[in-house]
Structure formats: C-alpha cells, structure tokens
Amino acid sequence: MNKKELIKIAAYFVQNSEENIINEEIALSKNVVGMKIYDDPIFGFGDANDEYFELLKKPEIIGEHFLSPKQWLPKSKTVISFFLPFTERVRISNKKDKIWPSEEWLHARIEGQAFLAKLCQYLKNALIEDGYNSIVPSQDERFWAKKGFDNNSLHSDVSFTSNWSERHVAFVCGLGTFGLSKGLITQKGIAGRFGSIVTELYLNADKREYEDVYEYCSRCGACVKNCPAKAISIDKGKNHILCSDFLGKIVEKYKPWYGCGKCQTGVPCENKIPKQCK
C-alpha cells in the first residue's frame, strides 16, 4: 500500500459511510437530519524515528509521559496523521449563537469523534490485511488522557495532557502549526478533528513546510474575542482551567453531548491558513 492508495480508501470511507451522516434516530432535532459531519481528510506522514517525537517528551512541551512511536510499536516505520475538516454546514451553524454550541456542532463533536475512531480502525485493518502490523495509539489499552487536576487519580502530577497527543503528532507529520487556542491550523483550517496510526509500513515522510510552532497563526485575536469563557489571550494563549470549567457548563446543559468550538469558527483560520497580520 502506498500513500495514494491509503488516502483514496480513506476518502471513500468518509464519502460513503452512513455514520458520517446524522440520521433521524440520533438527531437532536429534525433540522440536523441528513447532515454530513466531515469533508475529505488531509494526511501527513512522519518518520517513526523523527527526533521531534523525542522532543515532545520535554516538560515544557508534553512531558516524559508522552510515548514515542517506537514505544507504541517497536518496529514501526511510519506515523500516519490525518485531519478531518468539518463541513461548511457544521462550521456556519456554530457562528449563530455567541455562547452556546449549535446542534450541528454538538453532533460533530460527539458523533464525529465516534466516526473518526471508526476511520482509524478501518485504516488500521487495511494496513494489517496488507501485511503491516499497525496500531491506533488513542485506542490502545495503554493510552490515557487527563483533563483536570485530581491528586487521587493516576498520573496525579500532570493535568490537561495525555501520553499521545494528536495535535502534536500532526505538527510533527507536517499537517500544520498551533494557534492561540492551542488548536492546530492546517491547510484546511482548524475546525475539525485529528486521528493517527503507527505502522510498520514504510512511507516516506512529508516535509514540514514551517519552522515555528505558531507559524500559521496570525495572532489576529479573533479566537480571543469569540471565546465565551474568556479563556484565551494574546499574551498567554489558552487557559485550560477556564476552558474546562465552561465545558462543564455545556455538559450540564446538553448532556450527553458537549463541545464548544467558538475558537474554531468565525475566525480567519477556520478553514484555511490565514493571511498573516502585518
């Protein structure tokens, strides 16, 4: 299997899967029935031996708890990262209310994440069937993520982190750079979700078309103004605690759905790399 074949089968899955469409059975209202969640994905390919993966272990980036590709799969050769951009309908809908997420966005966050996991599994199985051992770190039993502070939980010394970060991995694989909101700005913008696979198949690594971690961010401040939790600032970026507290209010209001995305919509980087501020 080569890059073109992998990208082709991924696009086919996204275009034809019924689970990329909100059906009447799960719809929050009739308004969202038939809504498509994602457009075609874009891909980045990284060398499993790339020194950048080891740099992610630095405490000022992620920390020692980050597991490198070789720790997930000792004979791995390639890290496959992809970005699934939300459709225009999902993005536009979330601009209407300045505080609460739209029904479309709530579905994109929850059903969209479930679909992303299935796409990861689909691609992993295709690679395995082709003779290449592969894993999805986010679905592995060793994976963990910690959102807030909890001294009584495992990994009590860290918060708002995980041992495999889709955004950081996407950065290493050449998909984009970070914005003030800590989202990753890609050629298709920031509004969407990331997935990744570690595989023993060798695919040549893509060149990173950037040097700075925040190279694609224009620092325009649109996400700062849009954030209902006032959790983003030009000087300090994102405050995870304020963001998490506001998400808790959304959970209370819309449970079992949740999500916000105000920093990803109605901003210049919503669906493209923005023009840089002078």
C-alpha atoms as a PDB file:
ATOM      1  CA  MET A   1       0.000   0.000   0.000  1.00  0.00           C
ATOM      2  CA  ASN A   2       1.272   3.477  -0.877  1.00  0.00           C
ATOM      3  CA  LYS A   3       0.182   6.974   0.159  1.00  0.00           C
ATOM      4  CA  LYS A   4      -2.215   7.477  -2.731  1.00  0.00           C
ATOM      5  CA  GLU A   5      -3.988   4.192  -2.066  1.00  0.00           C
ATOM      6  CA  LEU A   6      -4.333   4.967   1.644  1.00  0.00           C
ATOM      7  CA  ILE A   7      -5.694   8.453   1.009  1.00  0.00           C
ATOM      8  CA  LYS A   8      -8.099   7.080  -1.616  1.00  0.00           C
ATOM      9  CA  ILE A   9      -9.638   4.448   0.653  1.00  0.00           C
ATOM     10  CA  ALA A  10      -9.917   6.976   3.490  1.00  0.00           C
ATOM     11  CA  ALA A  11     -11.755   9.439   1.250  1.00  0.00           C
ATOM     12  CA  TYR A  12     -14.059   6.681   0.020  1.00  0.00           C
ATOM     13  CA  PHE A  13     -14.898   5.735   3.619  1.00  0.00           C
ATOM     14  CA  VAL A  14     -15.679   9.354   4.526  1.00  0.00           C
ATOM     15  CA  GLN A  15     -17.782   9.931   1.416  1.00  0.00           C
ATOM     16  CA  ASN A  16     -19.806   6.721   1.656  1.00  0.00           C
ATOM     17  CA  SER A  17     -20.150   5.813   5.325  1.00  0.00           C
ATOM     18  CA  GLU A  18     -23.649   6.281   6.718  1.00  0.00           C
ATOM     19  CA  GLU A  19     -22.060   7.127  10.055  1.00  0.00           C
ATOM     20  CA  ASN A  20     -20.746  10.383   8.593  1.00  0.00           C
ATOM     21  CA  ILE A  21     -24.397  11.416   8.321  1.00  0.00           C
ATOM     22  CA  ILE A  22     -26.711  12.320  11.203  1.00  0.00           C
ATOM     23  CA  ASN A  23     -29.768  10.087  10.994  1.00  0.00           C
ATOM     24  CA  GLU A  24     -33.239  10.650  12.422  1.00  0.00           C
ATOM     25  CA  GLU A  25     -32.729   8.169  15.255  1.00  0.00           C
ATOM     26  CA  ILE A  26     -29.938  10.140  16.924  1.00  0.00           C
ATOM     27  CA  ALA A  27     -30.685  13.684  15.699  1.00  0.00           C
ATOM     28  CA  LEU A  28     -31.183  16.387  18.322  1.00  0.00           C
ATOM     29  CA  SER A  29     -33.851  17.848  16.047  1.00  0.00           C
ATOM     30  CA  LYS A  30     -35.294  17.422  12.560  1.00  0.00           C
ATOM     31  CA  ASN A  31     -33.105  20.320  11.468  1.00  0.00           C
ATOM     32  CA  VAL A  32     -29.929  18.218  11.573  1.00  0.00           C
ATOM     33  CA  VAL A  33     -31.270  15.021   9.984  1.00  0.00           C
ATOM     34  CA  GLY A  34     -29.143  14.162   6.956  1.00  0.00           C
ATOM     35  CA  MET A  35     -26.310  16.481   7.936  1.00  0.00           C
ATOM     36  CA  LYS A  36     -22.842  15.429   6.805  1.00  0.00           C
ATOM     37  CA  ILE A  37     -20.179  15.837   9.503  1.00  0.00           C
ATOM     38  CA  TYR A  38     -16.853  15.713   7.663  1.00  0.00           C
ATOM     39  CA  ASP A  39     -15.341  16.569   4.317  1.00  0.00           C
ATOM     40  CA  ASP A  40     -12.461  14.510   2.889  1.00  0.00           C
ATOM     41  CA  PRO A  41      -9.415  14.177   5.170  1.00  0.00           C
ATOM     42  CA  ILE A  42      -5.939  15.516   4.533  1.00  0.00           C
ATOM     43  CA  PHE A  43      -2.884  13.470   5.504  1.00  0.00           C
ATOM     44  CA  GLY A  44       0.616  13.957   6.864  1.00  0.00           C
ATOM     45  CA  PHE A  45       3.251  11.228   7.086  1.00  0.00           C
ATOM     46  CA  GLY A  46       6.068  11.195   9.612  1.00  0.00           C
ATOM     47  CA  ASP A  47       9.178   9.085  10.191  1.00  0.00           C
ATOM     48  CA  ALA A  48       8.731   6.996  13.344  1.00  0.00           C
ATOM     49  CA  ASN A  49      12.374   7.834  14.155  1.00  0.00           C
ATOM     50  CA  ASP A  50      11.909  11.603  13.768  1.00  0.00           C
ATOM     51  CA  GLU A  51      13.753  13.329  16.620  1.00  0.00           C
ATOM     52  CA  TYR A  52      10.791  15.674  17.032  1.00  0.00           C
ATOM     53  CA  PHE A  53       8.852  12.846  18.675  1.00  0.00           C
ATOM     54  CA  GLU A  54      11.542  12.661  21.361  1.00  0.00           C
ATOM     55  CA  LEU A  55      11.426  16.446  21.779  1.00  0.00           C
ATOM     56  CA  LEU A  56       7.768  16.109  22.756  1.00  0.00           C
ATOM     57  CA  LYS A  57       8.973  14.449  25.949  1.00  0.00           C
ATOM     58  CA  LYS A  58      10.371  17.759  27.177  1.00  0.00           C
ATOM     59  CA  PRO A  59       8.392  19.033  30.211  1.00  0.00           C
ATOM     60  CA  GLU A  60       7.709  22.383  28.540  1.00  0.00           C
ATOM     61  CA  ILE A  61       6.066  20.611  25.563  1.00  0.00           C
ATOM     62  CA  ILE A  62       4.229  17.472  26.755  1.00  0.00           C
ATOM     63  CA  GLY A  63       6.485  15.600  29.188  1.00  0.00           C
ATOM     64  CA  GLU A  64       8.156  12.281  29.838  1.00  0.00           C
ATOM     65  CA  HIS A  65       4.782  10.553  29.878  1.00  0.00           C
ATOM     66  CA  PHE A  66       4.475  11.032  26.092  1.00  0.00           C
ATOM     67  CA  LEU A  67       5.152   7.703  24.394  1.00  0.00           C
ATOM     68  CA  SER A  68       7.113   7.850  21.144  1.00  0.00           C
ATOM     69  CA  PRO A  69       6.054   5.799  18.091  1.00  0.00           C
ATOM     70  CA  LYS A  70       8.703   3.169  18.874  1.00  0.00           C
ATOM     71  CA  GLN A  71       7.297   2.781  22.366  1.00  0.00           C
ATOM     72  CA  TRP A  72       3.861   2.100  20.951  1.00  0.00           C
ATOM     73  CA  LEU A  73       5.143  -0.226  18.226  1.00  0.00           C
ATOM     74  CA  PRO A  74       8.864  -1.164  18.414  1.00  0.00           C
ATOM     75  CA  LYS A  75       9.241  -1.996  14.708  1.00  0.00           C
ATOM     76  CA  SER A  76       7.221   0.962  13.474  1.00  0.00           C
ATOM     77  CA  LYS A  77       8.498   2.931  10.495  1.00  0.00           C
ATOM     78  CA  THR A  78       5.777   5.499   9.811  1.00  0.00           C
ATOM     79  CA  VAL A  79       3.316   7.663  11.695  1.00  0.00           C
ATOM     80  CA  ILE A  80       0.205   8.466   9.670  1.00  0.00           C
ATOM     81  CA  SER A  81      -1.658  11.568  10.832  1.00  0.00           C
ATOM     82  CA  PHE A  82      -4.839  12.946   9.305  1.00  0.00           C
ATOM     83  CA  PHE A  83      -7.204  15.862   9.750  1.00  0.00           C
ATOM     84  CA  LEU A  84     -10.938  15.554   9.158  1.00  0.00           C
ATOM     85  CA  PRO A  85     -12.328  19.044   8.438  1.00  0.00           C
ATOM     86  CA  PHE A  86     -15.893  19.774   9.481  1.00  0.00           C
ATOM     87  CA  THR A  87     -18.311  20.552   6.661  1.00  0.00           C
ATOM     88  CA  GLU A  88     -19.328  24.121   5.922  1.00  0.00           C
ATOM     89  CA  ARG A  89     -22.739  23.491   7.446  1.00  0.00           C
ATOM     90  CA  VAL A  90     -21.233  22.459  10.772  1.00  0.00           C
ATOM     91  CA  ARG A  91     -18.912  25.445  10.788  1.00  0.00           C
ATOM     92  CA  ILE A  92     -21.505  28.069   9.789  1.00  0.00           C
ATOM     93  CA  SER A  93     -24.053  26.825  12.299  1.00  0.00           C
ATOM     94  CA  ASN A  94     -21.705  27.414  15.220  1.00  0.00           C
ATOM     95  CA  LYS A  95     -21.360  31.131  14.466  1.00  0.00           C
ATOM     96  CA  LYS A  96     -25.013  31.978  15.155  1.00  0.00           C
ATOM     97  CA  ASP A  97     -25.001  31.874  18.967  1.00  0.00           C
ATOM     98  CA  LYS A  98     -22.113  33.655  20.678  1.00  0.00           C
ATOM     99  CA  ILE A  99     -22.196  31.457  23.792  1.00  0.00           C
ATOM    100  CA  TRP A 100     -23.757  28.045  23.271  1.00  0.00           C
ATOM    101  CA  PRO A 101     -22.760  25.482  20.625  1.00  0.00           C
ATOM    102  CA  SER A 102     -25.113  24.678  17.761  1.00  0.00           C
ATOM    103  CA  GLU A 103     -26.848  21.316  17.424  1.00  0.00           C
ATOM    104  CA  GLU A 104     -24.692  20.662  14.382  1.00  0.00           C
ATOM    105  CA  TRP A 105     -21.508  21.296  16.356  1.00  0.00           C
ATOM    106  CA  LEU A 106     -22.612  19.078  19.245  1.00  0.00           C
ATOM    107  CA  HIS A 107     -23.195  16.209  16.826  1.00  0.00           C
ATOM    108  CA  ALA A 108     -19.892  16.878  15.084  1.00  0.00           C
ATOM    109  CA  ARG A 109     -18.054  16.737  18.403  1.00  0.00           C
ATOM    110  CA  ILE A 110     -19.667  13.531  19.705  1.00  0.00           C
ATOM    111  CA  GLU A 111     -20.854  11.500  16.706  1.00  0.00           C
ATOM    112  CA  GLY A 112     -17.955  12.992  14.768  1.00  0.00           C
ATOM    113  CA  GLN A 113     -15.435  11.634  17.256  1.00  0.00           C
ATOM    114  CA  ALA A 114     -17.073   8.204  17.102  1.00  0.00           C
ATOM    115  CA  PHE A 115     -16.817   8.279  13.302  1.00  0.00           C
ATOM    116  CA  LEU A 116     -13.159   9.333  13.467  1.00  0.00           C
ATOM    117  CA  ALA A 117     -12.406   6.329  15.688  1.00  0.00           C
ATOM    118  CA  LYS A 118     -14.033   4.035  13.127  1.00  0.00           C
ATOM    119  CA  LEU A 119     -12.000   5.549  10.309  1.00  0.00           C
ATOM    120  CA  CYS A 120      -8.828   4.918  12.334  1.00  0.00           C
ATOM    121  CA  GLN A 121      -9.872   1.302  12.854  1.00  0.00           C
ATOM    122  CA  TYR A 122     -10.767   0.908   9.174  1.00  0.00           C
ATOM    123  CA  LEU A 123      -7.365   2.154   8.019  1.00  0.00           C
ATOM    124  CA  LYS A 124      -5.524   0.109  10.626  1.00  0.00           C
ATOM    125  CA  ASN A 125      -7.303  -3.048   9.479  1.00  0.00           C
ATOM    126  CA  ALA A 126      -6.487  -2.264   5.847  1.00  0.00           C
ATOM    127  CA  LEU A 127      -2.795  -1.942   6.716  1.00  0.00           C
ATOM    128  CA  ILE A 128      -2.807  -5.172   8.730  1.00  0.00           C
ATOM    129  CA  GLU A 129      -4.567  -7.032   5.912  1.00  0.00           C
ATOM    130  CA  ASP A 130      -1.830  -5.753   3.619  1.00  0.00           C
ATOM    131  CA  GLY A 131       0.744  -7.385   5.905  1.00  0.00           C
ATOM    132  CA  TYR A 132       1.855  -4.445   8.047  1.00  0.00           C
ATOM    133  CA  ASN A 133       1.375  -4.504  11.800  1.00  0.00           C
ATOM    134  CA  SER A 134      -0.244  -1.240  12.892  1.00  0.00           C
ATOM    135  CA  ILE A 135      -1.874   0.317  15.941  1.00  0.00           C
ATOM    136  CA  VAL A 136      -4.056   3.303  16.780  1.00  0.00           C
ATOM    137  CA  PRO A 137      -2.474   4.756  19.953  1.00  0.00           C
ATOM    138  CA  SER A 138      -5.661   6.517  21.065  1.00  0.00           C
ATOM    139  CA  GLN A 139      -7.471   3.147  21.019  1.00  0.00           C
ATOM    140  CA  ASP A 140      -4.683   1.154  22.668  1.00  0.00           C
ATOM    141  CA  GLU A 141      -5.115  -0.099  26.240  1.00  0.00           C
ATOM    142  CA  ARG A 142      -2.002   1.838  27.250  1.00  0.00           C
ATOM    143  CA  PHE A 143      -3.465   5.186  26.203  1.00  0.00           C
ATOM    144  CA  TRP A 144      -4.589   7.653  28.850  1.00  0.00           C
ATOM    145  CA  ALA A 145      -5.705  11.277  28.915  1.00  0.00           C
ATOM    146  CA  LYS A 146      -6.163  13.570  31.883  1.00  0.00           C
ATOM    147  CA  LYS A 147      -8.257  16.708  31.649  1.00  0.00           C
ATOM    148  CA  GLY A 148      -8.086  18.356  35.043  1.00  0.00           C
ATOM    149  CA  PHE A 149      -6.369  18.311  38.404  1.00  0.00           C
ATOM    150  CA  ASP A 150      -7.038  15.251  40.539  1.00  0.00           C
ATOM    151  CA  ASN A 151      -4.499  14.262  43.163  1.00  0.00           C
ATOM    152  CA  ASN A 152      -6.273  10.970  43.776  1.00  0.00           C
ATOM    153  CA  SER A 153      -6.081   9.742  40.188  1.00  0.00           C
ATOM    154  CA  LEU A 154      -3.345   8.054  38.212  1.00  0.00           C
ATOM    155  CA  HIS A 155      -0.748  10.494  36.882  1.00  0.00           C
ATOM    156  CA  SER A 156      -1.630  12.993  39.609  1.00  0.00           C
ATOM    157  CA  ASP A 157       1.451  15.070  38.772  1.00  0.00           C
ATOM    158  CA  VAL A 158       0.064  16.257  35.411  1.00  0.00           C
ATOM    159  CA  SER A 159      -3.140  17.770  34.026  1.00  0.00           C
ATOM    160  CA  PHE A 160      -4.717  18.578  30.658  1.00  0.00           C
ATOM    161  CA  THR A 161      -2.447  16.147  28.867  1.00  0.00           C
ATOM    162  CA  SER A 162      -2.144  12.601  27.503  1.00  0.00           C
ATOM    163  CA  ASN A 163       0.540  10.119  26.540  1.00  0.00           C
ATOM    164  CA  TRP A 164      -0.253  10.565  22.820  1.00  0.00           C
ATOM    165  CA  SER A 165      -1.289  13.987  21.515  1.00  0.00           C
ATOM    166  CA  GLU A 166      -2.993  14.005  18.120  1.00  0.00           C
ATOM    167  CA  ARG A 167      -2.262  17.702  17.580  1.00  0.00           C
ATOM    168  CA  HIS A 168       1.441  17.463  18.420  1.00  0.00           C
ATOM    169  CA  VAL A 169       1.785  14.347  16.283  1.00  0.00           C
ATOM    170  CA  ALA A 170       0.092  16.165  13.402  1.00  0.00           C
ATOM    171  CA  PHE A 171       2.583  19.015  13.823  1.00  0.00           C
ATOM    172  CA  VAL A 172       5.499  16.582  13.557  1.00  0.00           C
ATOM    173  CA  CYS A 173       3.940  14.954  10.490  1.00  0.00           C
ATOM    174  CA  GLY A 174       3.723  18.277   8.658  1.00  0.00           C
ATOM    175  CA  LEU A 175      -0.001  18.959   8.872  1.00  0.00           C
ATOM    176  CA  GLY A 176       0.165  22.386  10.494  1.00  0.00           C
ATOM    177  CA  THR A 177       1.115  24.664  13.367  1.00  0.00           C
ATOM    178  CA  PHE A 178      -0.584  25.782  16.555  1.00  0.00           C
ATOM    179  CA  GLY A 179      -2.817  28.789  17.162  1.00  0.00           C
ATOM    180  CA  LEU A 180      -3.504  30.824  20.310  1.00  0.00           C
ATOM    181  CA  SER A 181      -6.381  28.470  21.156  1.00  0.00           C
ATOM    182  CA  LYS A 182      -3.924  25.524  21.111  1.00  0.00           C
ATOM    183  CA  GLY A 183      -5.736  24.071  18.114  1.00  0.00           C
ATOM    184  CA  LEU A 184      -3.685  23.106  15.052  1.00  0.00           C
ATOM    185  CA  ILE A 185      -4.067  25.196  11.896  1.00  0.00           C
ATOM    186  CA  THR A 186      -3.874  23.056   8.745  1.00  0.00           C
ATOM    187  CA  GLN A 187      -4.271  23.732   5.023  1.00  0.00           C
ATOM    188  CA  LYS A 188      -7.980  23.047   5.671  1.00  0.00           C
ATOM    189  CA  GLY A 189      -8.086  25.232   8.750  1.00  0.00           C
ATOM    190  CA  ILE A 190      -8.590  24.499  12.417  1.00  0.00           C
ATOM    191  CA  ALA A 191     -12.231  23.360  12.598  1.00  0.00           C
ATOM    192  CA  GLY A 192     -12.135  19.567  12.645  1.00  0.00           C
ATOM    193  CA  ARG A 193     -10.617  16.553  14.375  1.00  0.00           C
ATOM    194  CA  PHE A 194      -7.329  14.633  14.162  1.00  0.00           C
ATOM    195  CA  GLY A 195      -6.505  10.928  14.116  1.00  0.00           C
ATOM    196  CA  SER A 196      -3.327   8.895  13.733  1.00  0.00           C
ATOM    197  CA  ILE A 197      -1.924   5.414  13.147  1.00  0.00           C
ATOM    198  CA  VAL A 198       1.539   3.980  13.874  1.00  0.00           C
ATOM    199  CA  THR A 199       2.551   1.338  11.346  1.00  0.00           C
ATOM    200  CA  GLU A 200       5.392  -0.925  10.281  1.00  0.00           C
ATOM    201  CA  LEU A 201       4.756   0.072   6.658  1.00  0.00           C
ATOM    202  CA  TYR A 202       7.418   2.425   5.333  1.00  0.00           C
ATOM    203  CA  LEU A 203       6.069   5.558   3.677  1.00  0.00           C
ATOM    204  CA  ASN A 204       8.436   8.450   3.046  1.00  0.00           C
ATOM    205  CA  ALA A 205       7.972  11.318   5.476  1.00  0.00           C
ATOM    206  CA  ASP A 206       6.431  14.608   4.378  1.00  0.00           C
ATOM    207  CA  LYS A 207       8.488  17.756   4.673  1.00  0.00           C
ATOM    208  CA  ARG A 208       7.369  20.224   7.318  1.00  0.00           C
ATOM    209  CA  GLU A 209       6.689  23.451   5.435  1.00  0.00           C
ATOM    210  CA  TYR A 210       7.217  25.522   8.577  1.00  0.00           C
ATOM    211  CA  GLU A 211       9.754  26.109  11.311  1.00  0.00           C
ATOM    212  CA  ASP A 212       7.939  27.929  14.101  1.00  0.00           C
ATOM    213  CA  VAL A 213       5.349  26.216  16.290  1.00  0.00           C
ATOM    214  CA  TYR A 214       2.911  29.124  15.731  1.00  0.00           C
ATOM    215  CA  GLU A 215       3.895  29.970  12.155  1.00  0.00           C
ATOM    216  CA  TYR A 216       0.384  29.761  10.677  1.00  0.00           C
ATOM    217  CA  CYS A 217      -1.251  31.814  13.468  1.00  0.00           C
ATOM    218  CA  SER A 218      -1.726  35.487  12.511  1.00  0.00           C
ATOM    219  CA  ARG A 219      -2.325  36.457  16.167  1.00  0.00           C
ATOM    220  CA  CYS A 220      -5.347  38.422  14.976  1.00  0.00           C
ATOM    221  CA  GLY A 221      -7.187  37.858  18.263  1.00  0.00           C
ATOM    222  CA  ALA A 222     -10.446  36.606  16.717  1.00  0.00           C
ATOM    223  CA  CYS A 223     -10.437  33.455  18.862  1.00  0.00           C
ATOM    224  CA  VAL A 224      -9.806  35.636  21.929  1.00  0.00           C
ATOM    225  CA  LYS A 225     -12.944  37.685  21.196  1.00  0.00           C
ATOM    226  CA  ASN A 226     -15.035  34.604  20.350  1.00  0.00           C
ATOM    227  CA  CYS A 227     -14.267  32.587  23.492  1.00  0.00           C
ATOM    228  CA  PRO A 228     -17.329  32.670  25.794  1.00  0.00           C
ATOM    229  CA  ALA A 229     -15.172  31.540  28.725  1.00  0.00           C
ATOM    230  CA  LYS A 230     -12.605  34.331  28.249  1.00  0.00           C
ATOM    231  CA  ALA A 231     -10.042  31.545  28.326  1.00  0.00           C
ATOM    232  CA  ILE A 232      -7.743  32.811  25.539  1.00  0.00           C
ATOM    233  CA  SER A 233      -5.439  35.814  25.496  1.00  0.00           C
ATOM    234  CA  ILE A 234      -2.944  37.203  23.005  1.00  0.00           C
ATOM    235  CA  ASP A 235      -0.144  37.160  25.572  1.00  0.00           C
ATOM    236  CA  LYS A 236      -0.745  33.838  27.332  1.00  0.00           C
ATOM    237  CA  GLY A 237      -2.715  31.754  24.871  1.00  0.00           C
ATOM    238  CA  LYS A 238      -5.265  29.309  26.273  1.00  0.00           C
ATOM    239  CA  ASN A 239      -6.141  28.862  29.940  1.00  0.00           C
ATOM    240  CA  HIS A 240      -7.157  25.201  30.184  1.00  0.00           C
ATOM    241  CA  ILE A 241      -8.881  25.607  33.552  1.00  0.00           C
ATOM    242  CA  LEU A 242     -11.245  28.361  32.388  1.00  0.00           C
ATOM    243  CA  CYS A 243     -11.978  26.401  29.208  1.00  0.00           C
ATOM    244  CA  SER A 244     -12.650  23.206  31.139  1.00  0.00           C
ATOM    245  CA  ASP A 245     -14.950  24.968  33.601  1.00  0.00           C
ATOM    246  CA  PHE A 246     -17.049  26.350  30.760  1.00  0.00           C
ATOM    247  CA  LEU A 247     -17.202  22.969  29.035  1.00  0.00           C
ATOM    248  CA  GLY A 248     -18.575  21.620  32.307  1.00  0.00           C
ATOM    249  CA  LYS A 249     -21.498  24.041  31.981  1.00  0.00           C
ATOM    250  CA  ILE A 250     -22.102  22.827  28.433  1.00  0.00           C
ATOM    251  CA  VAL A 251     -22.139  19.223  29.665  1.00  0.00           C
ATOM    252  CA  GLU A 252     -24.770  20.166  32.251  1.00  0.00           C
ATOM    253  CA  LYS A 253     -26.918  21.841  29.580  1.00  0.00           C
ATOM    254  CA  TYR A 254     -26.621  19.315  26.748  1.00  0.00           C
ATOM    255  CA  LYS A 255     -25.585  16.005  28.330  1.00  0.00           C
ATOM    256  CA  PRO A 256     -24.655  13.509  26.888  1.00  0.00           C
ATOM    257  CA  TRP A 257     -23.478  15.909  24.155  1.00  0.00           C
ATOM    258  CA  TYR A 258     -20.851  18.548  24.726  1.00  0.00           C
ATOM    259  CA  GLY A 259     -18.468  20.782  22.813  1.00  0.00           C
ATOM    260  CA  CYS A 260     -17.885  24.467  22.167  1.00  0.00           C
ATOM    261  CA  GLY A 261     -15.719  25.270  19.131  1.00  0.00           C
ATOM    262  CA  LYS A 262     -16.206  29.045  19.265  1.00  0.00           C
ATOM    263  CA  CYS A 263     -12.438  29.475  18.880  1.00  0.00           C
ATOM    264  CA  GLN A 264     -12.556  27.382  15.678  1.00  0.00           C
ATOM    265  CA  THR A 265     -15.434  29.125  13.899  1.00  0.00           C
ATOM    266  CA  GLY A 266     -15.839  32.719  12.808  1.00  0.00           C
ATOM    267  CA  VAL A 267     -12.049  33.074  12.741  1.00  0.00           C
ATOM    268  CA  PRO A 268      -9.666  33.600   9.788  1.00  0.00           C
ATOM    269  CA  CYS A 269      -8.136  30.136  10.325  1.00  0.00           C
ATOM    270  CA  GLU A 270     -11.498  28.352  10.354  1.00  0.00           C
ATOM    271  CA  ASN A 271     -10.986  26.528   7.058  1.00  0.00           C
ATOM    272  CA  LYS A 272      -7.607  27.734   5.747  1.00  0.00           C
ATOM    273  CA  ILE A 273      -4.243  29.133   6.711  1.00  0.00           C
ATOM    274  CA  PRO A 274      -4.946  32.831   7.375  1.00  0.00           C
ATOM    275  CA  LYS A 275      -3.124  35.754   5.865  1.00  0.00           C
ATOM    276  CA  GLN A 276      -0.500  36.963   8.291  1.00  0.00           C
ATOM    277  CA  CYS A 277      -1.054  40.208  10.154  1.00  0.00           C
ATOM    278  CA  LYS A 278       1.466  42.913   9.312  1.00  0.00           C
END
